[in-house]
Amino acid sequence: MPLIRCAKCDQAYDIPGVVAVRLASSIATCDCGEWLSGSKAAVLARIIDASEIRELDVQPYRVDAAAAAPAAPRIETAPPARKRSLRVFARGANQSIDTIFTIGEHPLWIGRKACHVELADAELSIRHCSISVRGEELVVRDADSHMGTFLDGHEITEAVLGDGVHVLRVGSALVTVEPVNESGTAVEPIALDDLSTVDEAQLAHKLRTSRSTNPVATRAVLVCVEGPLVGQEFEIPDSGLVIGREGHVRVPDEFLSRRHFEVLRDGDGTVRVRDLGSRNGTFLNTLPARNTKVRSGDEIRAGVNRFRIEQRA
């Protein structure tokens, strides 16, 4: 049924359809005297000849204030996240971790301090990365760390952990993570109380912001630090360098393929290393390099050779 309200006192009337169709050519008034319906023409016609315009009594259809109040909207609450368990294995210089954690509402933190997995001697940020539950998935996120988070050899800001064993490189540490069905140590919130501690993530963010607002022209250089070409340097042009027994940089090493790997620069100056289908593989630090972002100071290993990427002004 149509629900009409008085514009003056907000009184509501629930009018049946058979009555509502007559409102346009009739006059109806509220208790307070305000007109509810009726055109100006109907009002004038009633003044001229009251018998021609019918006045409708809408009082039987009056609705009390409680009934007229709209029902409060029902708030749909999201179901609680499913708990997932994860086996974490990490080995540092002075400590090792082999623990099953059960993650629910709160994320699992990996870092140097105030974290569930602490590796104090592995060049991590205070809070380097986290692993949390999103729906049915386990999600690993980098916490704007100063050295980056790498999942199975690829730098990530956020990635989903599938089934099986995965390798996280955080700082100089390798952390093995594997989703399991066993229950383990419940992950609870953990606070960082020492506010005087310097967080490298914040410093790195400020440094990147400063560089973006005040860019400094740099050039990328490939330096051989071990192998037949030790000590030699090769500037990386925009078109890239191919390294192998044949290519732009020729290395007399029987363990290298003819065209073993290449280093190239993206449009924003980022350097990447890409294996060219070599028989013995190309490695960035300790992990296989397929098409992997390289940071200044990272080392590329191929055959008996080690190369370092340096950014210079």
C-alpha atoms as a PDB file:
ATOM      1  CA  MET A   1       0.000   0.000   0.000  1.00  0.00           C
ATOM      2  CA  PRO A   2       1.222   3.591  -0.674  1.00  0.00           C
ATOM      3  CA  LEU A   3       2.603   5.313   2.402  1.00  0.00           C
ATOM      4  CA  ILE A   4       2.196   9.096   2.396  1.00  0.00           C
ATOM      5  CA  ARG A   5       3.483  11.522   5.025  1.00  0.00           C
ATOM      6  CA  CYS A   6       2.421  14.941   6.117  1.00  0.00           C
ATOM      7  CA  ALA A   7       5.070  17.494   5.172  1.00  0.00           C
ATOM      8  CA  LYS A   8       4.311  19.546   8.283  1.00  0.00           C
ATOM      9  CA  CYS A   9       4.051  17.032  11.153  1.00  0.00           C
ATOM     10  CA  ASP A  10       5.448  13.886   9.472  1.00  0.00           C
ATOM     11  CA  GLN A  11       2.341  11.854  10.337  1.00  0.00           C
ATOM     12  CA  ALA A  12       2.170   8.752   8.107  1.00  0.00           C
ATOM     13  CA  TYR A  13      -0.913   7.270   6.403  1.00  0.00           C
ATOM     14  CA  ASP A  14      -0.963   3.812   4.833  1.00  0.00           C
ATOM     15  CA  ILE A  15      -3.488   4.322   2.020  1.00  0.00           C
ATOM     16  CA  PRO A  16      -5.117   1.301   0.271  1.00  0.00           C
ATOM     17  CA  GLY A  17      -4.664   1.208  -3.473  1.00  0.00           C
ATOM     18  CA  VAL A  18      -8.407   1.648  -4.224  1.00  0.00           C
ATOM     19  CA  VAL A  19      -8.361   4.858  -2.201  1.00  0.00           C
ATOM     20  CA  ALA A  20      -4.996   6.086  -3.421  1.00  0.00           C
ATOM     21  CA  VAL A  21      -6.175   6.230  -7.047  1.00  0.00           C
ATOM     22  CA  ARG A  22      -8.755   8.843  -6.015  1.00  0.00           C
ATOM     23  CA  LEU A  23      -6.295  11.127  -4.222  1.00  0.00           C
ATOM     24  CA  ALA A  24      -5.385  13.052  -7.361  1.00  0.00           C
ATOM     25  CA  SER A  25      -8.955  14.261  -7.913  1.00  0.00           C
ATOM     26  CA  SER A  26      -9.935  14.563  -4.242  1.00  0.00           C
ATOM     27  CA  ILE A  27      -8.862  16.438  -1.151  1.00  0.00           C
ATOM     28  CA  ALA A  28      -7.352  14.832   1.956  1.00  0.00           C
ATOM     29  CA  THR A  29      -6.076  16.616   5.029  1.00  0.00           C
ATOM     30  CA  CYS A  30      -3.952  15.596   7.993  1.00  0.00           C
ATOM     31  CA  ASP A  31      -4.959  15.944  11.656  1.00  0.00           C
ATOM     32  CA  CYS A  32      -2.875  19.106  11.792  1.00  0.00           C
ATOM     33  CA  GLY A  33      -4.861  20.614   8.906  1.00  0.00           C
ATOM     34  CA  GLU A  34      -2.112  20.308   6.312  1.00  0.00           C
ATOM     35  CA  TRP A  35      -3.197  19.293   2.799  1.00  0.00           C
ATOM     36  CA  LEU A  36      -2.129  15.727   1.943  1.00  0.00           C
ATOM     37  CA  SER A  37      -3.478  15.659  -1.615  1.00  0.00           C
ATOM     38  CA  GLY A  38      -5.452  17.682  -4.095  1.00  0.00           C
ATOM     39  CA  SER A  39      -4.279  19.916  -6.898  1.00  0.00           C
ATOM     40  CA  LYS A  40      -4.795  23.663  -7.000  1.00  0.00           C
ATOM     41  CA  ALA A  41      -7.488  23.065  -9.592  1.00  0.00           C
ATOM     42  CA  ALA A  42      -9.320  20.734  -7.185  1.00  0.00           C
ATOM     43  CA  VAL A  43      -9.111  23.299  -4.409  1.00  0.00           C
ATOM     44  CA  LEU A  44     -10.500  26.042  -6.654  1.00  0.00           C
ATOM     45  CA  ALA A  45     -13.242  23.746  -7.924  1.00  0.00           C
ATOM     46  CA  ARG A  46     -14.260  22.963  -4.349  1.00  0.00           C
ATOM     47  CA  ILE A  47     -14.500  26.668  -3.579  1.00  0.00           C
ATOM     48  CA  ILE A  48     -16.737  27.212  -6.619  1.00  0.00           C
ATOM     49  CA  ASP A  49     -18.848  24.096  -6.165  1.00  0.00           C
ATOM     50  CA  ALA A  50     -18.094  21.935  -3.139  1.00  0.00           C
ATOM     51  CA  SER A  51     -20.300  19.122  -4.440  1.00  0.00           C
ATOM     52  CA  GLU A  52     -17.992  18.451  -7.380  1.00  0.00           C
ATOM     53  CA  ILE A  53     -14.883  17.648  -5.280  1.00  0.00           C
ATOM     54  CA  ARG A  54     -14.952  14.817  -2.840  1.00  0.00           C
ATOM     55  CA  GLU A  55     -13.088  15.024   0.465  1.00  0.00           C
ATOM     56  CA  LEU A  56     -11.441  11.786   1.518  1.00  0.00           C
ATOM     57  CA  ASP A  57     -11.202  10.729   5.146  1.00  0.00           C
ATOM     58  CA  VAL A  58      -7.717   9.207   5.614  1.00  0.00           C
ATOM     59  CA  GLN A  59      -7.889   8.927   9.397  1.00  0.00           C
ATOM     60  CA  PRO A  60      -8.660   5.156   9.351  1.00  0.00           C
ATOM     61  CA  TYR A  61      -5.331   4.675   7.613  1.00  0.00           C
ATOM     62  CA  ARG A  62      -3.281   6.601  10.105  1.00  0.00           C
ATOM     63  CA  VAL A  63      -0.070   4.837  11.144  1.00  0.00           C
ATOM     64  CA  ASP A  64       1.384   5.300  14.607  1.00  0.00           C
ATOM     65  CA  ALA A  65       4.947   6.601  14.884  1.00  0.00           C
ATOM     66  CA  ALA A  66       6.472   3.300  16.041  1.00  0.00           C
ATOM     67  CA  ALA A  67       5.021   1.384  13.109  1.00  0.00           C
ATOM     68  CA  ALA A  68       5.987   4.094  10.640  1.00  0.00           C
ATOM     69  CA  ALA A  69       9.617   4.181  11.713  1.00  0.00           C
ATOM     70  CA  PRO A  70      11.789   2.371   9.208  1.00  0.00           C
ATOM     71  CA  ALA A  71      13.320  -0.867  10.402  1.00  0.00           C
ATOM     72  CA  ALA A  72      16.934  -0.607  11.373  1.00  0.00           C
ATOM     73  CA  PRO A  73      19.149  -1.991   8.626  1.00  0.00           C
ATOM     74  CA  ARG A  74      20.597  -5.389   9.359  1.00  0.00           C
ATOM     75  CA  ILE A  75      24.359  -5.273   9.478  1.00  0.00           C
ATOM     76  CA  GLU A  76      25.952  -8.228   7.781  1.00  0.00           C
ATOM     77  CA  THR A  77      29.017  -9.300   9.680  1.00  0.00           C
ATOM     78  CA  ALA A  78      31.778 -11.017   7.801  1.00  0.00           C
ATOM     79  CA  PRO A  79      32.404 -14.593   8.894  1.00  0.00           C
ATOM     80  CA  PRO A  80      35.569 -15.020  10.920  1.00  0.00           C
ATOM     81  CA  ALA A  81      38.636 -15.847   8.859  1.00  0.00           C
ATOM     82  CA  ARG A  82      39.431 -19.517   8.627  1.00  0.00           C
ATOM     83  CA  LYS A  83      42.454 -20.482  10.664  1.00  0.00           C
ATOM     84  CA  ARG A  84      45.401 -21.816   8.670  1.00  0.00           C
ATOM     85  CA  SER A  85      48.570 -23.480   9.891  1.00  0.00           C
ATOM     86  CA  LEU A  86      52.040 -22.920   8.524  1.00  0.00           C
ATOM     87  CA  ARG A  87      55.335 -24.659   9.218  1.00  0.00           C
ATOM     88  CA  VAL A  88      58.187 -22.152   9.369  1.00  0.00           C
ATOM     89  CA  PHE A  89      61.818 -23.221   9.229  1.00  0.00           C
ATOM     90  CA  ALA A  90      64.635 -20.679   9.396  1.00  0.00           C
ATOM     91  CA  ARG A  91      68.276 -20.902  10.345  1.00  0.00           C
ATOM     92  CA  GLY A  92      70.318 -17.887  11.331  1.00  0.00           C
ATOM     93  CA  ALA A  93      73.909 -17.518  12.431  1.00  0.00           C
ATOM     94  CA  ASN A  94      73.050 -17.888  16.106  1.00  0.00           C
ATOM     95  CA  GLN A  95      69.530 -19.324  16.150  1.00  0.00           C
ATOM     96  CA  SER A  96      67.200 -21.615  14.237  1.00  0.00           C
ATOM     97  CA  ILE A  97      63.394 -21.897  14.117  1.00  0.00           C
ATOM     98  CA  ASP A  98      61.286 -24.914  13.228  1.00  0.00           C
ATOM     99  CA  THR A  99      57.741 -24.210  14.407  1.00  0.00           C
ATOM    100  CA  ILE A 100      54.149 -24.689  13.267  1.00  0.00           C
ATOM    101  CA  PHE A 101      52.055 -21.536  13.678  1.00  0.00           C
ATOM    102  CA  THR A 102      48.261 -21.343  13.465  1.00  0.00           C
ATOM    103  CA  ILE A 103      47.218 -18.015  11.917  1.00  0.00           C
ATOM    104  CA  GLY A 104      43.733 -16.597  12.377  1.00  0.00           C
ATOM    105  CA  GLU A 105      42.716 -13.032  13.104  1.00  0.00           C
ATOM    106  CA  HIS A 106      46.246 -11.696  13.585  1.00  0.00           C
ATOM    107  CA  PRO A 107      49.155 -11.827  11.095  1.00  0.00           C
ATOM    108  CA  LEU A 108      52.391 -13.722  11.637  1.00  0.00           C
ATOM    109  CA  TRP A 109      55.298 -11.253  11.626  1.00  0.00           C
ATOM    110  CA  ILE A 110      58.835 -12.015  10.447  1.00  0.00           C
ATOM    111  CA  GLY A 111      61.557  -9.541  11.309  1.00  0.00           C
ATOM    112  CA  ARG A 112      64.342  -8.527  13.638  1.00  0.00           C
ATOM    113  CA  LYS A 113      62.393  -7.512  16.733  1.00  0.00           C
ATOM    114  CA  ALA A 114      58.887  -7.792  18.233  1.00  0.00           C
ATOM    115  CA  CYS A 115      57.974 -10.515  15.730  1.00  0.00           C
ATOM    116  CA  HIS A 116      56.777 -14.108  15.941  1.00  0.00           C
ATOM    117  CA  VAL A 117      59.783 -15.185  13.849  1.00  0.00           C
ATOM    118  CA  GLU A 118      62.815 -13.152  14.930  1.00  0.00           C
ATOM    119  CA  LEU A 119      66.148 -13.316  13.090  1.00  0.00           C
ATOM    120  CA  ALA A 120      68.246 -10.669  14.785  1.00  0.00           C
ATOM    121  CA  ASP A 121      71.424 -11.305  12.792  1.00  0.00           C
ATOM    122  CA  ALA A 122      70.012 -11.517   9.257  1.00  0.00           C
ATOM    123  CA  GLU A 123      69.897  -7.834   8.201  1.00  0.00           C
ATOM    124  CA  LEU A 124      66.089  -7.747   8.398  1.00  0.00           C
ATOM    125  CA  SER A 125      63.952  -4.704   9.023  1.00  0.00           C
ATOM    126  CA  ILE A 126      62.388  -4.585  12.480  1.00  0.00           C
ATOM    127  CA  ARG A 127      59.180  -5.881  10.916  1.00  0.00           C
ATOM    128  CA  HIS A 128      60.149  -7.213   7.519  1.00  0.00           C
ATOM    129  CA  CYS A 129      57.068  -9.040   6.220  1.00  0.00           C
ATOM    130  CA  SER A 130      53.870 -10.684   7.417  1.00  0.00           C
ATOM    131  CA  ILE A 131      51.760 -13.733   6.591  1.00  0.00           C
ATOM    132  CA  SER A 132      48.003 -13.491   7.170  1.00  0.00           C
ATOM    133  CA  VAL A 133      44.772 -15.288   6.292  1.00  0.00           C
ATOM    134  CA  ARG A 134      42.489 -13.786   3.638  1.00  0.00           C
ATOM    135  CA  GLY A 135      39.405 -15.942   3.156  1.00  0.00           C
ATOM    136  CA  GLU A 136      40.835 -19.385   2.426  1.00  0.00           C
ATOM    137  CA  GLU A 137      44.261 -18.105   1.369  1.00  0.00           C
ATOM    138  CA  LEU A 138      47.549 -17.471   3.112  1.00  0.00           C
ATOM    139  CA  VAL A 139      48.978 -14.147   1.941  1.00  0.00           C
ATOM    140  CA  VAL A 140      52.541 -12.919   2.429  1.00  0.00           C
ATOM    141  CA  ARG A 141      53.112  -9.142   2.344  1.00  0.00           C
ATOM    142  CA  ASP A 142      56.291  -7.110   2.389  1.00  0.00           C
ATOM    143  CA  ALA A 143      56.210  -4.434   5.120  1.00  0.00           C
ATOM    144  CA  ASP A 144      58.080  -1.813   3.063  1.00  0.00           C
ATOM    145  CA  SER A 145      61.328  -3.463   4.132  1.00  0.00           C
ATOM    146  CA  HIS A 146      64.659  -1.897   3.205  1.00  0.00           C
ATOM    147  CA  MET A 147      65.970  -5.032   1.445  1.00  0.00           C
ATOM    148  CA  GLY A 148      62.730  -6.402   0.001  1.00  0.00           C
ATOM    149  CA  THR A 149      60.920  -9.721   0.343  1.00  0.00           C
ATOM    150  CA  PHE A 150      61.446 -12.457  -2.239  1.00  0.00           C
ATOM    151  CA  LEU A 151      59.135 -15.458  -2.677  1.00  0.00           C
ATOM    152  CA  ASP A 152      60.588 -18.367  -4.656  1.00  0.00           C
ATOM    153  CA  GLY A 153      63.113 -16.020  -6.259  1.00  0.00           C
ATOM    154  CA  HIS A 154      60.750 -13.179  -7.181  1.00  0.00           C
ATOM    155  CA  GLU A 155      60.442  -9.893  -5.326  1.00  0.00           C
ATOM    156  CA  ILE A 156      56.897  -9.368  -4.090  1.00  0.00           C
ATOM    157  CA  THR A 157      54.825  -6.786  -2.306  1.00  0.00           C
ATOM    158  CA  GLU A 158      51.946  -9.258  -1.847  1.00  0.00           C
ATOM    159  CA  ALA A 159      51.547 -12.866  -2.968  1.00  0.00           C
ATOM    160  CA  VAL A 160      49.406 -15.910  -2.177  1.00  0.00           C
ATOM    161  CA  LEU A 161      51.101 -18.989  -0.722  1.00  0.00           C
ATOM    162  CA  GLY A 162      49.938 -22.096  -2.547  1.00  0.00           C
ATOM    163  CA  ASP A 163      50.319 -25.667  -1.361  1.00  0.00           C
ATOM    164  CA  GLY A 164      53.781 -27.127  -0.978  1.00  0.00           C
ATOM    165  CA  VAL A 165      57.089 -25.756   0.235  1.00  0.00           C
ATOM    166  CA  HIS A 166      58.066 -22.150  -0.535  1.00  0.00           C
ATOM    167  CA  VAL A 167      61.278 -20.217   0.072  1.00  0.00           C
ATOM    168  CA  LEU A 168      61.219 -16.665   1.407  1.00  0.00           C
ATOM    169  CA  ARG A 169      64.374 -14.587   1.197  1.00  0.00           C
ATOM    170  CA  VAL A 170      64.249 -11.855   3.817  1.00  0.00           C
ATOM    171  CA  GLY A 171      67.397  -9.878   4.390  1.00  0.00           C
ATOM    172  CA  SER A 172      70.237 -12.390   4.232  1.00  0.00           C
ATOM    173  CA  ALA A 173      68.089 -15.232   5.601  1.00  0.00           C
ATOM    174  CA  LEU A 174      66.231 -17.986   3.785  1.00  0.00           C
ATOM    175  CA  VAL A 175      62.963 -18.994   5.432  1.00  0.00           C
ATOM    176  CA  THR A 176      61.093 -22.127   4.353  1.00  0.00           C
ATOM    177  CA  VAL A 177      57.308 -21.983   4.738  1.00  0.00           C
ATOM    178  CA  GLU A 178      54.789 -24.757   4.081  1.00  0.00           C
ATOM    179  CA  PRO A 179      51.002 -24.786   4.668  1.00  0.00           C
ATOM    180  CA  VAL A 180      50.071 -27.800   6.826  1.00  0.00           C
ATOM    181  CA  ASN A 181      46.936 -29.249   8.387  1.00  0.00           C
ATOM    182  CA  GLU A 182      48.353 -29.627  11.910  1.00  0.00           C
ATOM    183  CA  SER A 183      47.528 -27.197  14.699  1.00  0.00           C
ATOM    184  CA  GLY A 184      50.390 -25.210  16.114  1.00  0.00           C
ATOM    185  CA  THR A 185      51.251 -22.171  18.199  1.00  0.00           C
ATOM    186  CA  ALA A 186      48.411 -19.648  17.975  1.00  0.00           C
ATOM    187  CA  VAL A 187      49.510 -16.313  16.516  1.00  0.00           C
ATOM    188  CA  GLU A 188      48.620 -13.512  18.919  1.00  0.00           C
ATOM    189  CA  PRO A 189      49.135  -9.746  18.483  1.00  0.00           C
ATOM    190  CA  ILE A 190      52.582  -8.568  19.408  1.00  0.00           C
ATOM    191  CA  ALA A 191      53.587  -4.967  20.188  1.00  0.00           C
ATOM    192  CA  LEU A 192      56.824  -3.084  19.621  1.00  0.00           C
ATOM    193  CA  ASP A 193      57.354  -1.180  22.873  1.00  0.00           C
ATOM    194  CA  ASP A 194      60.779   0.323  22.288  1.00  0.00           C
ATOM    195  CA  LEU A 195      59.885   3.466  20.338  1.00  0.00           C
ATOM    196  CA  SER A 196      63.507   4.572  20.308  1.00  0.00           C
ATOM    197  CA  THR A 197      64.453   1.742  17.934  1.00  0.00           C
ATOM    198  CA  VAL A 198      65.158   2.894  14.398  1.00  0.00           C
ATOM    199  CA  ASP A 199      62.953   1.149  11.833  1.00  0.00           C
ATOM    200  CA  GLU A 200      64.809   0.790   8.537  1.00  0.00           C
ATOM    201  CA  ALA A 201      61.503   0.456   6.672  1.00  0.00           C
ATOM    202  CA  GLN A 202      60.632   4.036   7.561  1.00  0.00           C
ATOM    203  CA  LEU A 203      64.093   5.215   6.593  1.00  0.00           C
ATOM    204  CA  ALA A 204      63.884   3.347   3.278  1.00  0.00           C
ATOM    205  CA  HIS A 205      60.485   4.876   2.557  1.00  0.00           C
ATOM    206  CA  LYS A 206      61.825   8.369   3.242  1.00  0.00           C
ATOM    207  CA  LEU A 207      64.855   7.679   1.062  1.00  0.00           C
ATOM    208  CA  ARG A 208      62.719   6.461  -1.843  1.00  0.00           C
ATOM    209  CA  THR A 209      60.432   9.470  -1.480  1.00  0.00           C
ATOM    210  CA  SER A 210      63.425  11.794  -1.464  1.00  0.00           C
ATOM    211  CA  ARG A 211      64.829  10.142  -4.574  1.00  0.00           C
ATOM    212  CA  SER A 212      61.508  10.371  -6.388  1.00  0.00           C
ATOM    213  CA  THR A 213      61.225  14.101  -5.676  1.00  0.00           C
ATOM    214  CA  ASN A 214      64.937  14.771  -6.231  1.00  0.00           C
ATOM    215  CA  PRO A 215      66.084  12.188  -8.774  1.00  0.00           C
ATOM    216  CA  VAL A 216      69.819  11.690  -9.265  1.00  0.00           C
ATOM    217  CA  ALA A 217      71.086  10.411 -12.597  1.00  0.00           C
ATOM    218  CA  THR A 218      72.782   7.037 -12.110  1.00  0.00           C
ATOM    219  CA  ARG A 219      74.369   4.452 -14.336  1.00  0.00           C
ATOM    220  CA  ALA A 220      74.310   0.702 -13.756  1.00  0.00           C
ATOM    221  CA  VAL A 221      77.613  -1.170 -13.915  1.00  0.00           C
ATOM    222  CA  LEU A 222      78.285  -4.911 -14.026  1.00  0.00           C
ATOM    223  CA  VAL A 223      81.495  -5.704 -12.127  1.00  0.00           C
ATOM    224  CA  CYS A 224      83.213  -9.113 -12.288  1.00  0.00           C
ATOM    225  CA  VAL A 225      84.350 -10.021  -8.761  1.00  0.00           C
ATOM    226  CA  GLU A 226      85.368 -13.636  -9.422  1.00  0.00           C
ATOM    227  CA  GLY A 227      86.291 -15.509 -12.593  1.00  0.00           C
ATOM    228  CA  PRO A 228      88.485 -15.001 -15.682  1.00  0.00           C
ATOM    229  CA  LEU A 229      87.359 -11.357 -16.051  1.00  0.00           C
ATOM    230  CA  VAL A 230      87.808 -10.416 -12.388  1.00  0.00           C
ATOM    231  CA  GLY A 231      88.175  -6.671 -11.904  1.00  0.00           C
ATOM    232  CA  GLN A 232      86.650  -5.729 -15.253  1.00  0.00           C
ATOM    233  CA  GLU A 233      83.609  -3.450 -15.372  1.00  0.00           C
ATOM    234  CA  PHE A 234      80.884  -3.164 -18.010  1.00  0.00           C
ATOM    235  CA  GLU A 235      78.343  -0.359 -18.113  1.00  0.00           C
ATOM    236  CA  ILE A 236      74.827  -1.634 -18.786  1.00  0.00           C
ATOM    237  CA  PRO A 237      73.219   0.255 -21.704  1.00  0.00           C
ATOM    238  CA  ASP A 238      69.474   0.606 -22.202  1.00  0.00           C
ATOM    239  CA  SER A 239      69.610  -2.206 -24.751  1.00  0.00           C
ATOM    240  CA  GLY A 240      71.168  -4.565 -22.167  1.00  0.00           C
ATOM    241  CA  LEU A 241      74.223  -6.835 -22.029  1.00  0.00           C
ATOM    242  CA  VAL A 242      74.429 -10.518 -22.978  1.00  0.00           C
ATOM    243  CA  ILE A 243      77.020 -12.516 -21.036  1.00  0.00           C
ATOM    244  CA  GLY A 244      78.351 -15.924 -22.104  1.00  0.00           C
ATOM    245  CA  ARG A 245      81.047 -17.584 -24.160  1.00  0.00           C
ATOM    246  CA  GLU A 246      79.671 -15.390 -26.954  1.00  0.00           C
ATOM    247  CA  GLY A 247      77.837 -12.074 -26.605  1.00  0.00           C
ATOM    248  CA  HIS A 248      78.571  -8.541 -25.485  1.00  0.00           C
ATOM    249  CA  VAL A 249      80.668  -9.801 -22.553  1.00  0.00           C
ATOM    250  CA  ARG A 250      82.677 -12.882 -23.610  1.00  0.00           C
ATOM    251  CA  VAL A 251      83.852 -15.048 -20.753  1.00  0.00           C
ATOM    252  CA  PRO A 252      86.238 -17.994 -21.383  1.00  0.00           C
ATOM    253  CA  ASP A 253      84.430 -20.407 -19.079  1.00  0.00           C
ATOM    254  CA  GLU A 254      83.449 -23.901 -20.250  1.00  0.00           C
ATOM    255  CA  PHE A 255      80.616 -23.972 -17.715  1.00  0.00           C
ATOM    256  CA  LEU A 256      78.878 -21.042 -19.454  1.00  0.00           C
ATOM    257  CA  SER A 257      76.508 -21.428 -22.384  1.00  0.00           C
ATOM    258  CA  ARG A 258      77.163 -19.424 -25.550  1.00  0.00           C
ATOM    259  CA  ARG A 259      74.528 -16.901 -24.486  1.00  0.00           C
ATOM    260  CA  HIS A 260      74.165 -17.589 -20.774  1.00  0.00           C
ATOM    261  CA  PHE A 261      72.298 -14.617 -19.264  1.00  0.00           C
ATOM    262  CA  GLU A 262      71.554 -10.963 -19.859  1.00  0.00           C
ATOM    263  CA  VAL A 263      71.240  -7.873 -17.704  1.00  0.00           C
ATOM    264  CA  LEU A 264      69.012  -5.045 -18.907  1.00  0.00           C
ATOM    265  CA  ARG A 265      67.425  -1.839 -17.657  1.00  0.00           C
ATOM    266  CA  ASP A 266      63.715  -1.089 -17.535  1.00  0.00           C
ATOM    267  CA  GLY A 267      62.336   2.310 -18.481  1.00  0.00           C
ATOM    268  CA  ASP A 268      62.500   3.460 -14.842  1.00  0.00           C
ATOM    269  CA  GLY A 269      66.162   2.441 -14.490  1.00  0.00           C
ATOM    270  CA  THR A 270      65.466  -0.851 -12.699  1.00  0.00           C
ATOM    271  CA  VAL A 271      68.031  -3.539 -13.546  1.00  0.00           C
ATOM    272  CA  ARG A 272      66.894  -7.094 -14.224  1.00  0.00           C
ATOM    273  CA  VAL A 273      68.801 -10.322 -14.795  1.00  0.00           C
ATOM    274  CA  ARG A 274      67.355 -12.957 -17.117  1.00  0.00           C
ATOM    275  CA  ASP A 275      68.658 -16.456 -17.736  1.00  0.00           C
ATOM    276  CA  LEU A 276      68.743 -17.269 -21.468  1.00  0.00           C
ATOM    277  CA  GLY A 277      68.056 -20.990 -21.166  1.00  0.00           C
ATOM    278  CA  SER A 278      71.567 -21.864 -19.995  1.00  0.00           C
ATOM    279  CA  ARG A 279      72.416 -25.472 -19.181  1.00  0.00           C
ATOM    280  CA  ASN A 280      73.858 -24.701 -15.729  1.00  0.00           C
ATOM    281  CA  GLY A 281      71.549 -21.893 -14.653  1.00  0.00           C
ATOM    282  CA  THR A 282      71.978 -18.323 -13.447  1.00  0.00           C
ATOM    283  CA  PHE A 283      71.651 -17.382  -9.786  1.00  0.00           C
ATOM    284  CA  LEU A 284      70.965 -14.049  -8.105  1.00  0.00           C
ATOM    285  CA  ASN A 285      72.583 -14.259  -4.680  1.00  0.00           C
ATOM    286  CA  THR A 286      71.426 -17.788  -3.742  1.00  0.00           C
ATOM    287  CA  LEU A 287      68.247 -18.164  -5.793  1.00  0.00           C
ATOM    288  CA  PRO A 288      67.655 -18.994  -9.476  1.00  0.00           C
ATOM    289  CA  ALA A 289      67.234 -15.897 -11.637  1.00  0.00           C
ATOM    290  CA  ARG A 290      64.654 -16.032 -14.410  1.00  0.00           C
ATOM    291  CA  ASN A 291      63.592 -12.423 -14.938  1.00  0.00           C
ATOM    292  CA  THR A 292      64.462 -11.007 -11.562  1.00  0.00           C
ATOM    293  CA  LYS A 293      64.899  -7.458 -10.290  1.00  0.00           C
ATOM    294  CA  VAL A 294      68.467  -6.709  -9.134  1.00  0.00           C
ATOM    295  CA  ARG A 295      69.376  -4.260  -6.414  1.00  0.00           C
ATOM    296  CA  SER A 296      72.671  -2.472  -6.067  1.00  0.00           C
ATOM    297  CA  GLY A 297      75.116  -4.828  -4.323  1.00  0.00           C
ATOM    298  CA  ASP A 298      73.383  -8.034  -5.408  1.00  0.00           C
ATOM    299  CA  GLU A 299      75.595 -10.720  -6.928  1.00  0.00           C
ATOM    300  CA  ILE A 300      74.962 -12.795 -10.039  1.00  0.00           C
ATOM    301  CA  ARG A 301      76.574 -16.252 -10.210  1.00  0.00           C
ATOM    302  CA  ALA A 302      77.020 -18.165 -13.460  1.00  0.00           C
ATOM    303  CA  GLY A 303      79.530 -20.981 -13.924  1.00  0.00           C
ATOM    304  CA  VAL A 304      82.663 -20.105 -11.949  1.00  0.00           C
ATOM    305  CA  ASN A 305      81.941 -16.387 -12.259  1.00  0.00           C
ATOM    306  CA  ARG A 306      80.464 -13.882  -9.846  1.00  0.00           C
ATOM    307  CA  PHE A 307      79.271 -10.452 -10.975  1.00  0.00           C
ATOM    308  CA  ARG A 308      78.046  -7.553  -8.852  1.00  0.00           C
ATOM    309  CA  ILE A 309      75.596  -4.812  -9.894  1.00  0.00           C
ATOM    310  CA  GLU A 310      76.581  -1.291  -8.829  1.00  0.00           C
ATOM    311  CA  GLN A 311      74.698   1.980  -9.264  1.00  0.00           C
ATOM    312  CA  ARG A 312      76.980   4.962  -9.785  1.00  0.00           C
ATOM    313  CA  ALA A 313      76.363   8.656 -10.275  1.00  0.00           C
END
